[in-house]
PDB file of N, CA and C in Angstrom:
ATOM      1  N   MET A   1      -9.240 -35.219 -18.371  1.00  0.00           N
ATOM      2  CA  MET A   1      -7.815 -34.742 -18.661  1.00  0.00           C
ATOM      3  C   MET A   1      -7.120 -35.853 -19.496  1.00  0.00           C
ATOM      4  N   LYS A   2      -6.259 -35.282 -20.473  1.00  0.00           N
ATOM      5  CA  LYS A   2      -5.466 -36.222 -21.265  1.00  0.00           C
ATOM      6  C   LYS A   2      -4.173 -36.351 -20.701  1.00  0.00           C
ATOM      7  N   ILE A   3      -3.488 -37.452 -20.985  1.00  0.00           N
ATOM      8  CA  ILE A   3      -2.012 -37.615 -20.386  1.00  0.00           C
ATOM      9  C   ILE A   3      -1.097 -36.478 -21.009  1.00  0.00           C
ATOM     10  N   SER A   4      -1.357 -36.039 -22.154  1.00  0.00           N
ATOM     11  CA  SER A   4      -0.326 -35.011 -22.806  1.00  0.00           C
ATOM     12  C   SER A   4      -0.578 -33.674 -22.072  1.00  0.00           C
ATOM     13  N   GLU A   5      -1.532 -33.464 -21.254  1.00  0.00           N
ATOM     14  CA  GLU A   5      -1.723 -32.382 -20.493  1.00  0.00           C
ATOM     15  C   GLU A   5      -1.049 -32.427 -19.073  1.00  0.00           C
ATOM     16  N   LEU A   6      -0.573 -33.554 -18.587  1.00  0.00           N
ATOM     17  CA  LEU A   6       0.134 -33.632 -17.363  1.00  0.00           C
ATOM     18  C   LEU A   6       1.543 -33.108 -17.373  1.00  0.00           C
ATOM     19  N   LYS A   7       1.883 -32.453 -16.227  1.00  0.00           N
ATOM     20  CA  LYS A   7       3.165 -32.022 -16.016  1.00  0.00           C
ATOM     21  C   LYS A   7       3.477 -32.150 -14.577  1.00  0.00           C
ATOM     22  N   ASP A   8       4.828 -31.887 -14.136  1.00  0.00           N
ATOM     23  CA  ASP A   8       5.205 -32.059 -12.907  1.00  0.00           C
ATOM     24  C   ASP A   8       4.393 -31.083 -11.951  1.00  0.00           C
ATOM     25  N   GLY A   9       3.882 -31.670 -10.860  1.00  0.00           N
ATOM     26  CA  GLY A   9       3.118 -30.853  -9.969  1.00  0.00           C
ATOM     27  C   GLY A   9       1.639 -30.894 -10.197  1.00  0.00           C
ATOM     28  N   THR A  10       1.186 -31.500 -11.346  1.00  0.00           N
ATOM     29  CA  THR A  10      -0.247 -31.589 -11.658  1.00  0.00           C
ATOM     30  C   THR A  10      -0.874 -32.374 -10.518  1.00  0.00           C
ATOM     31  N   GLY A  11      -1.917 -31.856  -9.841  1.00  0.00           N
ATOM     32  CA  GLY A  11      -2.768 -32.499  -8.932  1.00  0.00           C
ATOM     33  C   GLY A  11      -4.166 -32.656  -9.378  1.00  0.00           C
ATOM     34  N   LYS A  12      -4.968 -33.383  -8.589  1.00  0.00           N
ATOM     35  CA  LYS A  12      -6.383 -33.542  -8.868  1.00  0.00           C
ATOM     36  C   LYS A  12      -6.528 -34.159 -10.351  1.00  0.00           C
ATOM     37  N   ALA A  13      -5.747 -34.990 -10.902  1.00  0.00           N
ATOM     38  CA  ALA A  13      -5.693 -35.409 -12.267  1.00  0.00           C
ATOM     39  C   ALA A  13      -6.761 -36.634 -12.318  1.00  0.00           C
ATOM     40  N   ASP A  14      -7.703 -36.448 -13.235  1.00  0.00           N
ATOM     41  CA  ASP A  14      -8.714 -37.533 -13.611  1.00  0.00           C
ATOM     42  C   ASP A  14      -8.432 -38.046 -15.006  1.00  0.00           C
ATOM     43  N   ILE A  15      -7.974 -39.333 -14.956  1.00  0.00           N
ATOM     44  CA  ILE A  15      -7.438 -39.974 -16.379  1.00  0.00           C
ATOM     45  C   ILE A  15      -8.077 -41.244 -16.446  1.00  0.00           C
ATOM     46  N   GLU A  16      -8.460 -41.513 -17.711  1.00  0.00           N
ATOM     47  CA  GLU A  16      -8.892 -42.782 -17.982  1.00  0.00           C
ATOM     48  C   GLU A  16      -7.956 -43.370 -19.170  1.00  0.00           C
ATOM     49  N   ALA A  17      -7.232 -44.363 -18.834  1.00  0.00           N
ATOM     50  CA  ALA A  17      -6.054 -44.974 -19.855  1.00  0.00           C
ATOM     51  C   ALA A  17      -5.918 -46.365 -19.516  1.00  0.00           C
ATOM     52  N   LYS A  18      -5.364 -47.005 -20.631  1.00  0.00           N
ATOM     53  CA  LYS A  18      -5.131 -48.499 -20.680  1.00  0.00           C
ATOM     54  C   LYS A  18      -3.716 -48.776 -20.319  1.00  0.00           C
ATOM     55  N   VAL A  19      -3.492 -49.918 -19.546  1.00  0.00           N
ATOM     56  CA  VAL A  19      -2.278 -50.377 -19.001  1.00  0.00           C
ATOM     57  C   VAL A  19      -1.488 -51.027 -20.309  1.00  0.00           C
ATOM     58  N   VAL A  20      -0.444 -50.527 -20.734  1.00  0.00           N
ATOM     59  CA  VAL A  20       0.341 -51.179 -21.836  1.00  0.00           C
ATOM     60  C   VAL A  20       1.593 -51.920 -21.294  1.00  0.00           C
ATOM     61  N   GLU A  21       1.918 -51.647 -20.096  1.00  0.00           N
ATOM     62  CA  GLU A  21       3.090 -52.367 -19.611  1.00  0.00           C
ATOM     63  C   GLU A  21       3.056 -52.411 -18.096  1.00  0.00           C
ATOM     64  N   LYS A  22       3.368 -53.393 -17.456  1.00  0.00           N
ATOM     65  CA  LYS A  22       3.492 -53.555 -15.975  1.00  0.00           C
ATOM     66  C   LYS A  22       4.496 -54.486 -15.434  1.00  0.00           C
ATOM     67  N   GLU A  23       5.316 -53.972 -14.525  1.00  0.00           N
ATOM     68  CA  GLU A  23       6.428 -54.714 -13.970  1.00  0.00           C
ATOM     69  C   GLU A  23       5.815 -55.559 -12.757  1.00  0.00           C
ATOM     70  N   ALA A  24       6.514 -56.690 -12.317  1.00  0.00           N
ATOM     71  CA  ALA A  24       6.179 -57.433 -11.311  1.00  0.00           C
ATOM     72  C   ALA A  24       6.118 -56.598  -9.999  1.00  0.00           C
ATOM     73  N   THR A  25       5.127 -56.919  -9.149  1.00  0.00           N
ATOM     74  CA  THR A  25       4.917 -56.241  -7.735  1.00  0.00           C
ATOM     75  C   THR A  25       6.062 -56.735  -6.981  1.00  0.00           C
ATOM     76  N   ARG A  26       6.655 -55.688  -6.175  1.00  0.00           N
ATOM     77  CA  ARG A  26       7.806 -56.067  -5.249  1.00  0.00           C
ATOM     78  C   ARG A  26       7.500 -55.339  -3.840  1.00  0.00           C
ATOM     79  N   GLU A  27       8.079 -55.695  -2.831  1.00  0.00           N
ATOM     80  CA  GLU A  27       8.008 -55.034  -1.521  1.00  0.00           C
ATOM     81  C   GLU A  27       9.161 -54.141  -1.280  1.00  0.00           C
ATOM     82  N   VAL A  28       8.902 -52.845  -0.759  1.00  0.00           N
ATOM     83  CA  VAL A  28       9.908 -52.070  -0.459  1.00  0.00           C
ATOM     84  C   VAL A  28       9.712 -51.405   0.813  1.00  0.00           C
ATOM     85  N   ASN A  29      10.781 -50.919   1.544  1.00  0.00           N
ATOM     86  CA  ASN A  29      10.748 -50.325   2.757  1.00  0.00           C
ATOM     87  C   ASN A  29      10.526 -48.763   2.567  1.00  0.00           C
ATOM     88  N   THR A  30       9.560 -48.240   3.170  1.00  0.00           N
ATOM     89  CA  THR A  30       9.259 -46.666   3.076  1.00  0.00           C
ATOM     90  C   THR A  30       9.315 -46.154   4.411  1.00  0.00           C
ATOM     91  N   LYS A  31       9.203 -44.887   4.504  1.00  0.00           N
ATOM     92  CA  LYS A  31       9.357 -44.203   5.858  1.00  0.00           C
ATOM     93  C   LYS A  31       7.896 -44.596   6.712  1.00  0.00           C
ATOM     94  N   PHE A  32       6.995 -45.290   6.075  1.00  0.00           N
ATOM     95  CA  PHE A  32       5.829 -45.675   6.605  1.00  0.00           C
ATOM     96  C   PHE A  32       5.731 -47.142   6.993  1.00  0.00           C
ATOM     97  N   GLY A  33       6.872 -47.865   6.640  1.00  0.00           N
ATOM     98  CA  GLY A  33       6.886 -49.285   6.847  1.00  0.00           C
ATOM     99  C   GLY A  33       7.004 -50.071   5.419  1.00  0.00           C
ATOM    100  N   ARG A  34       6.864 -51.361   5.483  1.00  0.00           N
ATOM    101  CA  ARG A  34       6.895 -52.100   4.218  1.00  0.00           C
ATOM    102  C   ARG A  34       5.717 -51.830   3.381  1.00  0.00           C
ATOM    103  N   SER A  35       5.794 -51.811   1.912  1.00  0.00           N
ATOM    104  CA  SER A  35       4.717 -51.520   1.252  1.00  0.00           C
ATOM    105  C   SER A  35       5.014 -52.353  -0.158  1.00  0.00           C
ATOM    106  N   LYS A  36       3.788 -52.759  -0.877  1.00  0.00           N
ATOM    107  CA  LYS A  36       3.889 -53.288  -2.124  1.00  0.00           C
ATOM    108  C   LYS A  36       4.014 -52.136  -3.147  1.00  0.00           C
ATOM    109  N   VAL A  37       4.803 -52.229  -4.179  1.00  0.00           N
ATOM    110  CA  VAL A  37       4.779 -51.296  -5.254  1.00  0.00           C
ATOM    111  C   VAL A  37       5.165 -52.067  -6.627  1.00  0.00           C
ATOM    112  N   ALA A  38       4.441 -51.561  -7.562  1.00  0.00           N
ATOM    113  CA  ALA A  38       4.852 -51.819  -9.069  1.00  0.00           C
ATOM    114  C   ALA A  38       4.756 -50.680  -9.992  1.00  0.00           C
ATOM    115  N   ASN A  39       5.518 -50.839 -10.936  1.00  0.00           N
ATOM    116  CA  ASN A  39       5.647 -49.658 -12.044  1.00  0.00           C
ATOM    117  C   ASN A  39       4.884 -50.132 -13.264  1.00  0.00           C
ATOM    118  N   ALA A  40       4.047 -49.238 -13.870  1.00  0.00           N
ATOM    119  CA  ALA A  40       3.348 -49.573 -14.941  1.00  0.00           C
ATOM    120  C   ALA A  40       3.594 -48.398 -15.966  1.00  0.00           C
ATOM    121  N   VAL A  41       3.075 -48.590 -17.200  1.00  0.00           N
ATOM    122  CA  VAL A  41       2.958 -47.436 -18.159  1.00  0.00           C
ATOM    123  C   VAL A  41       1.452 -47.573 -18.712  1.00  0.00           C
ATOM    124  N   ILE A  42       0.875 -46.329 -18.740  1.00  0.00           N
ATOM    125  CA  ILE A  42      -0.484 -46.294 -19.321  1.00  0.00           C
ATOM    126  C   ILE A  42      -0.492 -45.405 -20.444  1.00  0.00           C
ATOM    127  N   GLU A  43      -1.514 -45.582 -21.289  1.00  0.00           N
ATOM    128  CA  GLU A  43      -1.697 -44.624 -22.344  1.00  0.00           C
ATOM    129  C   GLU A  43      -3.007 -44.377 -22.755  1.00  0.00           C
ATOM    130  N   ASP A  44      -3.234 -43.033 -23.296  1.00  0.00           N
ATOM    131  CA  ASP A  44      -4.516 -42.762 -23.927  1.00  0.00           C
ATOM    132  C   ASP A  44      -4.189 -42.334 -25.386  1.00  0.00           C
ATOM    133  N   ASP A  45      -5.113 -41.765 -26.044  1.00  0.00           N
ATOM    134  CA  ASP A  45      -4.939 -41.447 -27.415  1.00  0.00           C
ATOM    135  C   ASP A  45      -3.976 -40.107 -27.576  1.00  0.00           C
ATOM    136  N   SER A  46      -3.568 -39.504 -26.236  1.00  0.00           N
ATOM    137  CA  SER A  46      -2.514 -38.375 -26.422  1.00  0.00           C
ATOM    138  C   SER A  46      -1.202 -38.853 -26.143  1.00  0.00           C
ATOM    139  N   GLY A  47      -0.853 -39.934 -25.382  1.00  0.00           N
ATOM    140  CA  GLY A  47       0.477 -40.189 -25.055  1.00  0.00           C
ATOM    141  C   GLY A  47       0.526 -41.372 -24.086  1.00  0.00           C
ATOM    142  N   THR A  48       1.631 -41.429 -23.429  1.00  0.00           N
ATOM    143  CA  THR A  48       1.909 -42.322 -22.362  1.00  0.00           C
ATOM    144  C   THR A  48       2.444 -41.761 -21.133  1.00  0.00           C
ATOM    145  N   ILE A  49       2.328 -42.384 -19.969  1.00  0.00           N
ATOM    146  CA  ILE A  49       2.986 -41.806 -18.769  1.00  0.00           C
ATOM    147  C   ILE A  49       3.263 -43.106 -17.817  1.00  0.00           C
ATOM    148  N   ALA A  50       4.317 -42.845 -16.995  1.00  0.00           N
ATOM    149  CA  ALA A  50       4.559 -43.957 -15.984  1.00  0.00           C
ATOM    150  C   ALA A  50       3.523 -43.840 -14.892  1.00  0.00           C
ATOM    151  N   LEU A  51       3.157 -45.025 -14.419  1.00  0.00           N
ATOM    152  CA  LEU A  51       2.188 -45.070 -13.144  1.00  0.00           C
ATOM    153  C   LEU A  51       2.764 -45.829 -12.268  1.00  0.00           C
ATOM    154  N   THR A  52       2.880 -45.352 -10.953  1.00  0.00           N
ATOM    155  CA  THR A  52       3.341 -46.086  -9.776  1.00  0.00           C
ATOM    156  C   THR A  52       2.149 -46.586  -9.004  1.00  0.00           C
ATOM    157  N   LEU A  53       2.180 -47.783  -8.841  1.00  0.00           N
ATOM    158  CA  LEU A  53       0.887 -48.515  -8.001  1.00  0.00           C
ATOM    159  C   LEU A  53       1.414 -48.943  -6.675  1.00  0.00           C
ATOM    160  N   TRP A  54       0.831 -48.300  -5.642  1.00  0.00           N
ATOM    161  CA  TRP A  54       1.095 -48.667  -4.141  1.00  0.00           C
ATOM    162  C   TRP A  54       0.120 -49.615  -3.676  1.00  0.00           C
ATOM    163  N   GLY A  55       0.576 -50.394  -2.608  1.00  0.00           N
ATOM    164  CA  GLY A  55      -0.340 -51.111  -1.685  1.00  0.00           C
ATOM    165  C   GLY A  55      -1.113 -52.188  -2.511  1.00  0.00           C
ATOM    166  N   ASP A  56      -2.442 -52.271  -2.218  1.00  0.00           N
ATOM    167  CA  ASP A  56      -3.277 -53.195  -2.860  1.00  0.00           C
ATOM    168  C   ASP A  56      -3.308 -52.936  -4.306  1.00  0.00           C
ATOM    169  N   ASP A  57      -3.294 -51.601  -4.675  1.00  0.00           N
ATOM    170  CA  ASP A  57      -3.432 -51.403  -6.163  1.00  0.00           C
ATOM    171  C   ASP A  57      -2.332 -52.057  -7.001  1.00  0.00           C
ATOM    172  N   ALA A  58      -1.229 -52.396  -6.463  1.00  0.00           N
ATOM    173  CA  ALA A  58      -0.150 -53.136  -7.215  1.00  0.00           C
ATOM    174  C   ALA A  58      -0.496 -54.403  -7.716  1.00  0.00           C
ATOM    175  N   ASP A  59      -1.331 -54.941  -6.966  1.00  0.00           N
ATOM    176  CA  ASP A  59      -1.885 -56.428  -7.357  1.00  0.00           C
ATOM    177  C   ASP A  59      -3.131 -56.369  -8.115  1.00  0.00           C
ATOM    178  N   LYS A  60      -3.804 -55.280  -8.176  1.00  0.00           N
ATOM    179  CA  LYS A  60      -5.158 -55.257  -8.881  1.00  0.00           C
ATOM    180  C   LYS A  60      -5.043 -55.052 -10.404  1.00  0.00           C
ATOM    181  N   VAL A  61      -3.937 -54.592 -11.003  1.00  0.00           N
ATOM    182  CA  VAL A  61      -3.796 -54.206 -12.358  1.00  0.00           C
ATOM    183  C   VAL A  61      -2.869 -55.220 -13.095  1.00  0.00           C
ATOM    184  N   LYS A  62      -3.448 -55.473 -14.388  1.00  0.00           N
ATOM    185  CA  LYS A  62      -2.543 -56.202 -15.368  1.00  0.00           C
ATOM    186  C   LYS A  62      -2.546 -55.544 -16.608  1.00  0.00           C
ATOM    187  N   GLU A  63      -1.543 -55.888 -17.430  1.00  0.00           N
ATOM    188  CA  GLU A  63      -1.498 -55.335 -18.836  1.00  0.00           C
ATOM    189  C   GLU A  63      -2.755 -55.577 -19.503  1.00  0.00           C
ATOM    190  N   GLY A  64      -3.247 -54.528 -20.242  1.00  0.00           N
ATOM    191  CA  GLY A  64      -4.519 -54.461 -20.983  1.00  0.00           C
ATOM    192  C   GLY A  64      -5.611 -54.103 -20.202  1.00  0.00           C
ATOM    193  N   ASP A  65      -5.671 -53.799 -19.024  1.00  0.00           N
ATOM    194  CA  ASP A  65      -6.686 -53.346 -18.234  1.00  0.00           C
ATOM    195  C   ASP A  65      -6.898 -51.800 -18.556  1.00  0.00           C
ATOM    196  N   THR A  66      -8.166 -51.282 -18.503  1.00  0.00           N
ATOM    197  CA  THR A  66      -8.343 -49.909 -18.592  1.00  0.00           C
ATOM    198  C   THR A  66      -8.609 -49.402 -17.204  1.00  0.00           C
ATOM    199  N   LEU A  67      -8.019 -48.270 -16.748  1.00  0.00           N
ATOM    200  CA  LEU A  67      -8.128 -47.706 -15.527  1.00  0.00           C
ATOM    201  C   LEU A  67      -8.708 -46.298 -15.561  1.00  0.00           C
ATOM    202  N   LYS A  68      -9.499 -46.064 -14.531  1.00  0.00           N
ATOM    203  CA  LYS A  68      -9.967 -44.630 -14.300  1.00  0.00           C
ATOM    204  C   LYS A  68      -9.337 -44.263 -12.990  1.00  0.00           C
ATOM    205  N   ILE A  69      -8.468 -43.191 -13.034  1.00  0.00           N
ATOM    206  CA  ILE A  69      -7.789 -42.653 -11.944  1.00  0.00           C
ATOM    207  C   ILE A  69      -8.401 -41.277 -11.641  1.00  0.00           C
ATOM    208  N   GLU A  70      -9.018 -41.136 -10.236  1.00  0.00           N
ATOM    209  CA  GLU A  70      -9.416 -39.912  -9.927  1.00  0.00           C
ATOM    210  C   GLU A  70      -8.505 -39.179  -8.820  1.00  0.00           C
ATOM    211  N   ASN A  71      -8.237 -37.966  -8.965  1.00  0.00           N
ATOM    212  CA  ASN A  71      -7.576 -37.107  -8.004  1.00  0.00           C
ATOM    213  C   ASN A  71      -6.127 -37.691  -7.807  1.00  0.00           C
ATOM    214  N   GLY A  72      -5.520 -38.100  -9.079  1.00  0.00           N
ATOM    215  CA  GLY A  72      -4.098 -38.557  -8.992  1.00  0.00           C
ATOM    216  C   GLY A  72      -3.219 -37.204  -9.056  1.00  0.00           C
ATOM    217  N   PHE A  73      -1.835 -37.443  -8.827  1.00  0.00           N
ATOM    218  CA  PHE A  73      -0.915 -36.456  -8.915  1.00  0.00           C
ATOM    219  C   PHE A  73       0.310 -36.877  -9.615  1.00  0.00           C
ATOM    220  N   VAL A  74       0.992 -35.757 -10.152  1.00  0.00           N
ATOM    221  CA  VAL A  74       2.167 -36.125 -11.057  1.00  0.00           C
ATOM    222  C   VAL A  74       3.447 -35.438 -10.476  1.00  0.00           C
ATOM    223  N   LYS A  75       4.359 -36.181 -10.553  1.00  0.00           N
ATOM    224  CA  LYS A  75       5.805 -35.839  -9.936  1.00  0.00           C
ATOM    225  C   LYS A  75       6.873 -36.200 -11.007  1.00  0.00           C
ATOM    226  N   GLU A  76       7.837 -35.539 -11.094  1.00  0.00           N
ATOM    227  CA  GLU A  76       8.943 -35.916 -11.964  1.00  0.00           C
ATOM    228  C   GLU A  76      10.125 -36.664 -11.065  1.00  0.00           C
ATOM    229  N   TRP A  77      10.473 -37.814 -11.449  1.00  0.00           N
ATOM    230  CA  TRP A  77      11.398 -38.541 -10.668  1.00  0.00           C
ATOM    231  C   TRP A  77      12.455 -39.221 -11.726  1.00  0.00           C
ATOM    232  N   ASN A  78      13.564 -38.757 -11.479  1.00  0.00           N
ATOM    233  CA  ASN A  78      14.742 -39.316 -12.289  1.00  0.00           C
ATOM    234  C   ASN A  78      14.462 -38.751 -13.976  1.00  0.00           C
ATOM    235  N   GLY A  79      13.867 -37.640 -14.072  1.00  0.00           N
ATOM    236  CA  GLY A  79      13.626 -37.127 -15.457  1.00  0.00           C
ATOM    237  C   GLY A  79      12.441 -37.644 -16.187  1.00  0.00           C
ATOM    238  N   THR A  80      11.740 -38.654 -15.266  1.00  0.00           N
ATOM    239  CA  THR A  80      10.486 -39.047 -15.920  1.00  0.00           C
ATOM    240  C   THR A  80       9.224 -38.690 -15.158  1.00  0.00           C
ATOM    241  N   LEU A  81       8.086 -38.122 -15.871  1.00  0.00           N
ATOM    242  CA  LEU A  81       6.821 -38.082 -15.158  1.00  0.00           C
ATOM    243  C   LEU A  81       6.262 -39.265 -14.738  1.00  0.00           C
ATOM    244  N   GLN A  82       5.814 -39.200 -13.532  1.00  0.00           N
ATOM    245  CA  GLN A  82       5.143 -40.414 -12.947  1.00  0.00           C
ATOM    246  C   GLN A  82       3.871 -40.036 -12.371  1.00  0.00           C
ATOM    247  N   LEU A  83       2.752 -40.664 -12.708  1.00  0.00           N
ATOM    248  CA  LEU A  83       1.332 -40.416 -12.169  1.00  0.00           C
ATOM    249  C   LEU A  83       1.345 -41.441 -10.860  1.00  0.00           C
ATOM    250  N   SER A  84       0.738 -40.918  -9.835  1.00  0.00           N
ATOM    251  CA  SER A  84       0.382 -41.825  -8.647  1.00  0.00           C
ATOM    252  C   SER A  84      -1.040 -41.588  -8.180  1.00  0.00           C
ATOM    253  N   VAL A  85      -1.739 -42.579  -7.550  1.00  0.00           N
ATOM    254  CA  VAL A  85      -3.034 -42.337  -7.038  1.00  0.00           C
ATOM    255  C   VAL A  85      -2.817 -41.543  -5.535  1.00  0.00           C
ATOM    256  N   GLY A  86      -1.912 -41.928  -4.813  1.00  0.00           N
ATOM    257  CA  GLY A  86      -1.763 -41.403  -3.459  1.00  0.00           C
ATOM    258  C   GLY A  86      -2.862 -41.826  -2.584  1.00  0.00           C
ATOM    259  N   LYS A  87      -2.897 -41.165  -1.369  1.00  0.00           N
ATOM    260  CA  LYS A  87      -3.834 -41.650  -0.313  1.00  0.00           C
ATOM    261  C   LYS A  87      -5.178 -40.844  -0.639  1.00  0.00           C
ATOM    262  N   TYR A  88      -5.228 -39.753  -1.263  1.00  0.00           N
ATOM    263  CA  TYR A  88      -6.425 -39.007  -1.474  1.00  0.00           C
ATOM    264  C   TYR A  88      -7.009 -39.449  -2.789  1.00  0.00           C
ATOM    265  N   GLY A  89      -6.362 -40.119  -3.772  1.00  0.00           N
ATOM    266  CA  GLY A  89      -7.039 -40.456  -4.996  1.00  0.00           C
ATOM    267  C   GLY A  89      -7.699 -41.938  -4.952  1.00  0.00           C
ATOM    268  N   LYS A  90      -8.082 -42.246  -6.169  1.00  0.00           N
ATOM    269  CA  LYS A  90      -9.012 -43.517  -6.327  1.00  0.00           C
ATOM    270  C   LYS A  90      -8.641 -44.092  -7.687  1.00  0.00           C
ATOM    271  N   MET A  91      -8.470 -45.383  -7.675  1.00  0.00           N
ATOM    272  CA  MET A  91      -8.208 -45.911  -9.018  1.00  0.00           C
ATOM    273  C   MET A  91      -9.237 -47.175  -9.070  1.00  0.00           C
ATOM    274  N   THR A  92      -9.828 -47.232 -10.340  1.00  0.00           N
ATOM    275  CA  THR A  92     -10.782 -48.281 -10.573  1.00  0.00           C
ATOM    276  C   THR A  92     -10.531 -48.853 -11.797  1.00  0.00           C
ATOM    277  N   VAL A  93     -10.525 -50.253 -11.820  1.00  0.00           N
ATOM    278  CA  VAL A  93     -10.215 -51.023 -13.037  1.00  0.00           C
ATOM    279  C   VAL A  93     -11.576 -51.225 -13.797  1.00  0.00           C
ATOM    280  N   LEU A  94     -11.631 -50.710 -14.952  1.00  0.00           N
ATOM    281  CA  LEU A  94     -12.891 -50.726 -15.549  1.00  0.00           C
ATOM    282  C   LEU A  94     -13.250 -52.094 -16.421  1.00  0.00           C
TER     283      LEU A  94
END
């Protein structure tokens, strides 16, 4: 699947893309307790999308890495599409 094909509500998204931007990891309070989170932007040859990295994934990724995301999902937040791995997905740094 290409980034340009993603839209709000897309599930089971399998994407391979390069990290072009990553913010510092921070800790936030969620309804499940404290968690690490980092925001990133990934791109493939069709476009870019925001990527939200949760938990240990937030520290695994750096700019320039190529990621393989399996079973990701897309939500729109504040007018921006965001891809997340979620608890049923998997992310691998290639």
